[in-house]
Amino acid sequence: FLVCQAGNIMTMPGLSKSPAAYNIDIDEN
């Protein structure tokens, strides 16, 4: 492919500022 970028775009995806992993845990059971 010939890849053309339009507008202001980051082609390498990134994680959010607060990844969901922060909220995952294992309870006492």
PDB file of all heavy atoms in Angstrom:
ATOM      1  N   PHE A   1       0.821  -1.210   0.000  1.00  0.00           N
ATOM      2  CA  PHE A   1       0.000   0.000   0.000  1.00  0.00           C
ATOM      3  C   PHE A   1       0.851   1.255   0.000  1.00  0.00           C
ATOM      4  O   PHE A   1       1.925   1.287   0.608  1.00  0.00           O
ATOM      5  CB  PHE A   1      -0.883   0.058   1.256  1.00  0.00           C
ATOM      6  CG  PHE A   1      -2.050  -0.874   1.249  1.00  0.00           C
ATOM      7  CD1 PHE A   1      -1.956  -2.115   1.856  1.00  0.00           C
ATOM      8  CD2 PHE A   1      -3.251  -0.522   0.654  1.00  0.00           C
ATOM      9  CE1 PHE A   1      -3.032  -2.992   1.883  1.00  0.00           C
ATOM     10  CE2 PHE A   1      -4.334  -1.386   0.662  1.00  0.00           C
ATOM     11  CZ  PHE A   1      -4.225  -2.621   1.273  1.00  0.00           C
ATOM     12  N   LEU A   2       0.338   2.286  -0.659  1.00  0.00           N
ATOM     13  CA  LEU A   2       0.865   3.626  -0.488  1.00  0.00           C
ATOM     14  C   LEU A   2      -0.007   4.251   0.593  1.00  0.00           C
ATOM     15  O   LEU A   2      -1.214   4.394   0.412  1.00  0.00           O
ATOM     16  CB  LEU A   2       0.777   4.441  -1.774  1.00  0.00           C
ATOM     17  CG  LEU A   2       1.247   5.899  -1.660  1.00  0.00           C
ATOM     18  CD1 LEU A   2       2.725   5.955  -1.293  1.00  0.00           C
ATOM     19  CD2 LEU A   2       0.993   6.658  -2.951  1.00  0.00           C
ATOM     20  N   VAL A   3       0.580   4.574   1.737  1.00  0.00           N
ATOM     21  CA  VAL A   3      -0.188   5.072   2.879  1.00  0.00           C
ATOM     22  C   VAL A   3      -0.101   6.590   2.951  1.00  0.00           C
ATOM     23  O   VAL A   3       0.992   7.159   3.063  1.00  0.00           O
ATOM     24  CB  VAL A   3       0.331   4.467   4.194  1.00  0.00           C
ATOM     25  CG1 VAL A   3      -0.495   4.984   5.374  1.00  0.00           C
ATOM     26  CG2 VAL A   3       0.273   2.943   4.139  1.00  0.00           C
ATOM     27  N   CYS A   4      -1.252   7.236   2.884  1.00  0.00           N
ATOM     28  CA  CYS A   4      -1.321   8.692   2.957  1.00  0.00           C
ATOM     29  C   CYS A   4      -2.002   9.111   4.251  1.00  0.00           C
ATOM     30  O   CYS A   4      -3.044   8.569   4.620  1.00  0.00           O
ATOM     31  CB  CYS A   4      -2.100   9.257   1.773  1.00  0.00           C
ATOM     32  SG  CYS A   4      -1.307   8.967   0.177  1.00  0.00           S
ATOM     33  N   GLN A   5      -1.402  10.059   4.955  1.00  0.00           N
ATOM     34  CA  GLN A   5      -1.990  10.566   6.182  1.00  0.00           C
ATOM     35  C   GLN A   5      -2.765  11.839   5.882  1.00  0.00           C
ATOM     36  O   GLN A   5      -2.290  12.709   5.148  1.00  0.00           O
ATOM     37  CB  GLN A   5      -0.903  10.842   7.223  1.00  0.00           C
ATOM     38  CG  GLN A   5      -0.191   9.588   7.693  1.00  0.00           C
ATOM     39  CD  GLN A   5       0.947   9.881   8.649  1.00  0.00           C
ATOM     40  OE1 GLN A   5       1.980   9.209   8.639  1.00  0.00           O
ATOM     41  NE2 GLN A   5       0.771  10.886   9.487  1.00  0.00           N
ATOM     42  N   ALA A   6      -3.959  11.932   6.449  1.00  0.00           N
ATOM     43  CA  ALA A   6      -4.811  13.103   6.247  1.00  0.00           C
ATOM     44  C   ALA A   6      -5.012  13.815   7.570  1.00  0.00           C
ATOM     45  O   ALA A   6      -5.411  13.193   8.562  1.00  0.00           O
ATOM     46  CB  ALA A   6      -6.153  12.691   5.661  1.00  0.00           C
ATOM     47  N   GLY A   7      -4.726  15.105   7.598  1.00  0.00           N
ATOM     48  CA  GLY A   7      -4.879  15.865   8.825  1.00  0.00           C
ATOM     49  C   GLY A   7      -3.826  15.484   9.858  1.00  0.00           C
ATOM     50  O   GLY A   7      -2.789  14.909   9.541  1.00  0.00           O
ATOM     51  N   ASN A   8      -4.127  15.790  11.118  1.00  0.00           N
ATOM     52  CA  ASN A   8      -3.195  15.506  12.211  1.00  0.00           C
ATOM     53  C   ASN A   8      -3.549  14.152  12.818  1.00  0.00           C
ATOM     54  O   ASN A   8      -4.518  14.026  13.565  1.00  0.00           O
ATOM     55  CB  ASN A   8      -3.299  16.605  13.270  1.00  0.00           C
ATOM     56  CG  ASN A   8      -2.305  16.422  14.396  1.00  0.00           C
ATOM     57  OD1 ASN A   8      -1.317  15.689  14.254  1.00  0.00           O
ATOM     58  ND2 ASN A   8      -2.554  17.075  15.521  1.00  0.00           N
ATOM     59  N   ILE A   9      -2.795  13.117  12.499  1.00  0.00           N
ATOM     60  CA  ILE A   9      -3.119  11.769  12.940  1.00  0.00           C
ATOM     61  C   ILE A   9      -1.862  11.029  13.377  1.00  0.00           C
ATOM     62  O   ILE A   9      -0.822  11.118  12.725  1.00  0.00           O
ATOM     63  CB  ILE A   9      -3.862  10.977  11.825  1.00  0.00           C
ATOM     64  CG1 ILE A   9      -4.219   9.560  12.281  1.00  0.00           C
ATOM     65  CG2 ILE A   9      -3.026  10.941  10.553  1.00  0.00           C
ATOM     66  CD1 ILE A   9      -5.273   9.495  13.318  1.00  0.00           C
ATOM     67  N   MET A  10      -1.962  10.308  14.495  1.00  0.00           N
ATOM     68  CA  MET A  10      -0.861   9.472  14.966  1.00  0.00           C
ATOM     69  C   MET A  10      -1.160   8.045  14.525  1.00  0.00           C
ATOM     70  O   MET A  10      -2.183   7.470  14.907  1.00  0.00           O
ATOM     71  CB  MET A  10      -0.745   9.531  16.493  1.00  0.00           C
ATOM     72  CG  MET A  10       0.398   8.691  17.047  1.00  0.00           C
ATOM     73  SD  MET A  10       0.591   8.868  18.844  1.00  0.00           S
ATOM     74  CE  MET A  10      -0.943   8.117  19.418  1.00  0.00           C
ATOM     75  N   THR A  11      -0.286   7.471  13.713  1.00  0.00           N
ATOM     76  CA  THR A  11      -0.554   6.141  13.164  1.00  0.00           C
ATOM     77  C   THR A  11      -0.178   5.018  14.115  1.00  0.00           C
ATOM     78  O   THR A  11      -0.594   3.885  13.925  1.00  0.00           O
ATOM     79  CB  THR A  11       0.193   5.946  11.830  1.00  0.00           C
ATOM     80  OG1 THR A  11       1.588   6.199  12.023  1.00  0.00           O
ATOM     81  CG2 THR A  11      -0.354   6.899  10.773  1.00  0.00           C
ATOM     82  N   MET A  12       0.602   5.300  15.146  1.00  0.00           N
ATOM     83  CA  MET A  12       0.941   4.289  16.138  1.00  0.00           C
ATOM     84  C   MET A  12      -0.018   4.425  17.317  1.00  0.00           C
ATOM     85  O   MET A  12      -0.004   5.434  18.014  1.00  0.00           O
ATOM     86  CB  MET A  12       2.378   4.447  16.624  1.00  0.00           C
ATOM     87  CG  MET A  12       2.774   3.452  17.724  1.00  0.00           C
ATOM     88  SD  MET A  12       2.693   1.733  17.194  1.00  0.00           S
ATOM     89  CE  MET A  12       4.132   1.659  16.118  1.00  0.00           C
ATOM     90  N   PRO A  13      -0.896   3.431  17.543  1.00  0.00           N
ATOM     91  CA  PRO A  13      -1.875   3.561  18.638  1.00  0.00           C
ATOM     92  C   PRO A  13      -1.199   3.564  20.000  1.00  0.00           C
ATOM     93  O   PRO A  13      -0.127   2.989  20.177  1.00  0.00           O
ATOM     94  CB  PRO A  13      -2.760   2.319  18.457  1.00  0.00           C
ATOM     95  CG  PRO A  13      -1.865   1.322  17.773  1.00  0.00           C
ATOM     96  CD  PRO A  13      -1.007   2.146  16.836  1.00  0.00           C
ATOM     97  N   GLY A  14      -1.839   4.219  20.959  1.00  0.00           N
ATOM     98  CA  GLY A  14      -1.293   4.289  22.307  1.00  0.00           C
ATOM     99  C   GLY A  14      -2.337   3.946  23.345  1.00  0.00           C
ATOM    100  O   GLY A  14      -3.527   3.913  23.052  1.00  0.00           O
ATOM    101  N   LEU A  15      -1.901   3.681  24.552  1.00  0.00           N
ATOM    102  CA  LEU A  15      -2.819   3.396  25.646  1.00  0.00           C
ATOM    103  C   LEU A  15      -3.449   4.699  26.141  1.00  0.00           C
ATOM    104  O   LEU A  15      -2.928   5.793  25.921  1.00  0.00           O
ATOM    105  CB  LEU A  15      -2.075   2.717  26.795  1.00  0.00           C
ATOM    106  CG  LEU A  15      -1.534   1.307  26.537  1.00  0.00           C
ATOM    107  CD1 LEU A  15      -0.674   0.864  27.713  1.00  0.00           C
ATOM    108  CD2 LEU A  15      -2.687   0.337  26.314  1.00  0.00           C
ATOM    109  N   SER A  16      -4.579   4.556  26.845  1.00  0.00           N
ATOM    110  CA  SER A  16      -5.205   5.726  27.448  1.00  0.00           C
ATOM    111  C   SER A  16      -4.346   6.195  28.619  1.00  0.00           C
ATOM    112  O   SER A  16      -3.428   5.495  29.062  1.00  0.00           O
ATOM    113  CB  SER A  16      -6.607   5.364  27.944  1.00  0.00           C
ATOM    114  OG  SER A  16      -6.525   4.414  28.991  1.00  0.00           O
ATOM    115  N   LYS A  17      -4.647   7.384  29.133  1.00  0.00           N
ATOM    116  CA  LYS A  17      -3.879   7.922  30.253  1.00  0.00           C
ATOM    117  C   LYS A  17      -4.068   7.077  31.505  1.00  0.00           C
ATOM    118  O   LYS A  17      -3.217   7.059  32.390  1.00  0.00           O
ATOM    119  CB  LYS A  17      -4.302   9.365  30.514  1.00  0.00           C
ATOM    120  CG  LYS A  17      -3.933  10.320  29.388  1.00  0.00           C
ATOM    121  CD  LYS A  17      -4.368  11.739  29.713  1.00  0.00           C
ATOM    122  CE  LYS A  17      -3.993  12.691  28.581  1.00  0.00           C
ATOM    123  NZ  LYS A  17      -4.426  14.082  28.857  1.00  0.00           N
ATOM    124  N   SER A  18      -5.217   6.385  31.585  1.00  0.00           N
ATOM    125  CA  SER A  18      -5.490   5.533  32.741  1.00  0.00           C
ATOM    126  C   SER A  18      -5.940   4.167  32.240  1.00  0.00           C
ATOM    127  O   SER A  18      -7.132   3.906  32.092  1.00  0.00           O
ATOM    128  CB  SER A  18      -6.580   6.161  33.623  1.00  0.00           C
ATOM    129  OG  SER A  18      -6.859   5.321  34.739  1.00  0.00           O
ATOM    130  N   PRO A  19      -5.002   3.242  31.947  1.00  0.00           N
ATOM    131  CA  PRO A  19      -5.346   1.926  31.412  1.00  0.00           C
ATOM    132  C   PRO A  19      -6.308   1.160  32.316  1.00  0.00           C
ATOM    133  O   PRO A  19      -6.290   1.314  33.542  1.00  0.00           O
ATOM    134  CB  PRO A  19      -3.988   1.221  31.341  1.00  0.00           C
ATOM    135  CG  PRO A  19      -2.985   2.324  31.260  1.00  0.00           C
ATOM    136  CD  PRO A  19      -3.546   3.422  32.101  1.00  0.00           C
ATOM    137  N   ALA A  20      -7.170   0.336  31.715  1.00  0.00           N
ATOM    138  CA  ALA A  20      -8.148  -0.445  32.467  1.00  0.00           C
ATOM    139  C   ALA A  20      -7.483  -1.389  33.464  1.00  0.00           C
ATOM    140  O   ALA A  20      -8.096  -1.775  34.469  1.00  0.00           O
ATOM    141  CB  ALA A  20      -9.021  -1.239  31.496  1.00  0.00           C
ATOM    142  N   ALA A  21      -6.225  -1.742  33.208  1.00  0.00           N
ATOM    143  CA  ALA A  21      -5.502  -2.656  34.104  1.00  0.00           C
ATOM    144  C   ALA A  21      -5.417  -2.110  35.523  1.00  0.00           C
ATOM    145  O   ALA A  21      -5.313  -2.882  36.486  1.00  0.00           O
ATOM    146  CB  ALA A  21      -4.096  -2.918  33.565  1.00  0.00           C
ATOM    147  N   TYR A  22      -5.492  -0.783  35.674  1.00  0.00           N
ATOM    148  CA  TYR A  22      -5.437  -0.191  37.005  1.00  0.00           C
ATOM    149  C   TYR A  22      -6.617  -0.621  37.875  1.00  0.00           C
ATOM    150  O   TYR A  22      -6.535  -0.586  39.108  1.00  0.00           O
ATOM    151  CB  TYR A  22      -5.427   1.332  36.901  1.00  0.00           C
ATOM    152  CG  TYR A  22      -4.131   1.927  36.396  1.00  0.00           C
ATOM    153  CD1 TYR A  22      -4.085   3.236  35.934  1.00  0.00           C
ATOM    154  CD2 TYR A  22      -2.956   1.189  36.389  1.00  0.00           C
ATOM    155  CE1 TYR A  22      -2.900   3.799  35.478  1.00  0.00           C
ATOM    156  CE2 TYR A  22      -1.769   1.728  35.930  1.00  0.00           C
ATOM    157  CZ  TYR A  22      -1.742   3.038  35.477  1.00  0.00           C
ATOM    158  OH  TYR A  22      -0.566   3.579  35.023  1.00  0.00           O
ATOM    159  N   ASN A  23      -7.734  -0.976  37.226  1.00  0.00           N
ATOM    160  CA  ASN A  23      -8.954  -1.299  37.970  1.00  0.00           C
ATOM    161  C   ASN A  23      -9.153  -2.802  38.167  1.00  0.00           C
ATOM    162  O   ASN A  23     -10.139  -3.222  38.783  1.00  0.00           O
ATOM    163  CB  ASN A  23     -10.175  -0.730  37.244  1.00  0.00           C
ATOM    164  CG  ASN A  23     -10.085   0.773  37.072  1.00  0.00           C
ATOM    165  OD1 ASN A  23      -9.704   1.478  37.997  1.00  0.00           O
ATOM    166  ND2 ASN A  23     -10.442   1.267  35.891  1.00  0.00           N
ATOM    167  N   ILE A  24      -8.263  -3.614  37.639  1.00  0.00           N
ATOM    168  CA  ILE A  24      -8.417  -5.073  37.735  1.00  0.00           C
ATOM    169  C   ILE A  24      -7.693  -5.611  38.977  1.00  0.00           C
ATOM    170  O   ILE A  24      -6.565  -5.222  39.266  1.00  0.00           O
ATOM    171  CB  ILE A  24      -7.870  -5.754  36.464  1.00  0.00           C
ATOM    172  CG1 ILE A  24      -8.622  -5.250  35.227  1.00  0.00           C
ATOM    173  CG2 ILE A  24      -8.000  -7.268  36.573  1.00  0.00           C
ATOM    174  CD1 ILE A  24      -8.053  -5.754  33.919  1.00  0.00           C
ATOM    175  N   ASP A  25      -8.395  -6.501  39.688  1.00  0.00           N
ATOM    176  CA  ASP A  25      -7.813  -7.061  40.900  1.00  0.00           C
ATOM    177  C   ASP A  25      -8.422  -8.438  41.162  1.00  0.00           C
ATOM    178  O   ASP A  25      -9.295  -8.890  40.415  1.00  0.00           O
ATOM    179  CB  ASP A  25      -8.087  -6.129  42.088  1.00  0.00           C
ATOM    180  CG  ASP A  25      -7.082  -6.338  43.229  1.00  0.00           C
ATOM    181  OD1 ASP A  25      -6.311  -7.319  43.182  1.00  0.00           O
ATOM    182  OD2 ASP A  25      -7.083  -5.516  44.158  1.00  0.00           O
ATOM    183  N   ILE A  26      -7.978  -9.092  42.214  1.00  0.00           N
ATOM    184  CA  ILE A  26      -8.537 -10.378  42.643  1.00  0.00           C
ATOM    185  C   ILE A  26      -9.025 -10.218  44.085  1.00  0.00           C
ATOM    186  O   ILE A  26      -8.264  -9.763  44.955  1.00  0.00           O
ATOM    187  CB  ILE A  26      -7.483 -11.505  42.570  1.00  0.00           C
ATOM    188  CG1 ILE A  26      -7.038 -11.699  41.116  1.00  0.00           C
ATOM    189  CG2 ILE A  26      -8.053 -12.820  43.116  1.00  0.00           C
ATOM    190  CD1 ILE A  26      -5.938 -12.723  40.935  1.00  0.00           C
ATOM    191  N   ASP A  27     -10.311 -10.550  44.334  1.00  0.00           N
ATOM    192  CA  ASP A  27     -10.854 -10.378  45.685  1.00  0.00           C
ATOM    193  C   ASP A  27     -10.445 -11.525  46.600  1.00  0.00           C
ATOM    194  O   ASP A  27      -9.711 -12.448  46.205  1.00  0.00           O
ATOM    195  CB  ASP A  27     -12.379 -10.210  45.633  1.00  0.00           C
ATOM    196  CG  ASP A  27     -13.099 -11.456  45.134  1.00  0.00           C
ATOM    197  OD1 ASP A  27     -12.487 -12.546  45.122  1.00  0.00           O
ATOM    198  OD2 ASP A  27     -14.283 -11.340  44.756  1.00  0.00           O
ATOM    199  N   GLU A  28     -10.951 -11.482  47.854  1.00  0.00           N
ATOM    200  CA  GLU A  28     -10.546 -12.463  48.858  1.00  0.00           C
ATOM    201  C   GLU A  28     -11.004 -13.881  48.532  1.00  0.00           C
ATOM    202  O   GLU A  28     -10.484 -14.863  49.094  1.00  0.00           O
ATOM    203  CB  GLU A  28     -11.103 -12.061  50.236  1.00  0.00           C
ATOM    204  CG  GLU A  28     -12.615 -12.004  50.333  1.00  0.00           C
ATOM    205  CD  GLU A  28     -13.167 -10.667  49.871  1.00  0.00           C
ATOM    206  OE1 GLU A  28     -12.397  -9.873  49.299  1.00  0.00           O
ATOM    207  OE2 GLU A  28     -14.367 -10.418  50.078  1.00  0.00           O
ATOM    208  N   ASN A  29     -11.966 -14.014  47.573  1.00  0.00           N
ATOM    209  CA  ASN A  29     -12.445 -15.324  47.175  1.00  0.00           C
ATOM    210  C   ASN A  29     -11.777 -15.849  45.904  1.00  0.00           C
ATOM    211  O   ASN A  29     -12.162 -16.881  45.376  1.00  0.00           O
ATOM    212  CB  ASN A  29     -13.972 -15.289  46.979  1.00  0.00           C
ATOM    213  CG  ASN A  29     -14.701 -14.940  48.266  1.00  0.00           C
ATOM    214  OD1 ASN A  29     -14.392 -15.485  49.323  1.00  0.00           O
ATOM    215  ND2 ASN A  29     -15.679 -14.038  48.166  1.00  0.00           N
TER     216      ASN A  29
END
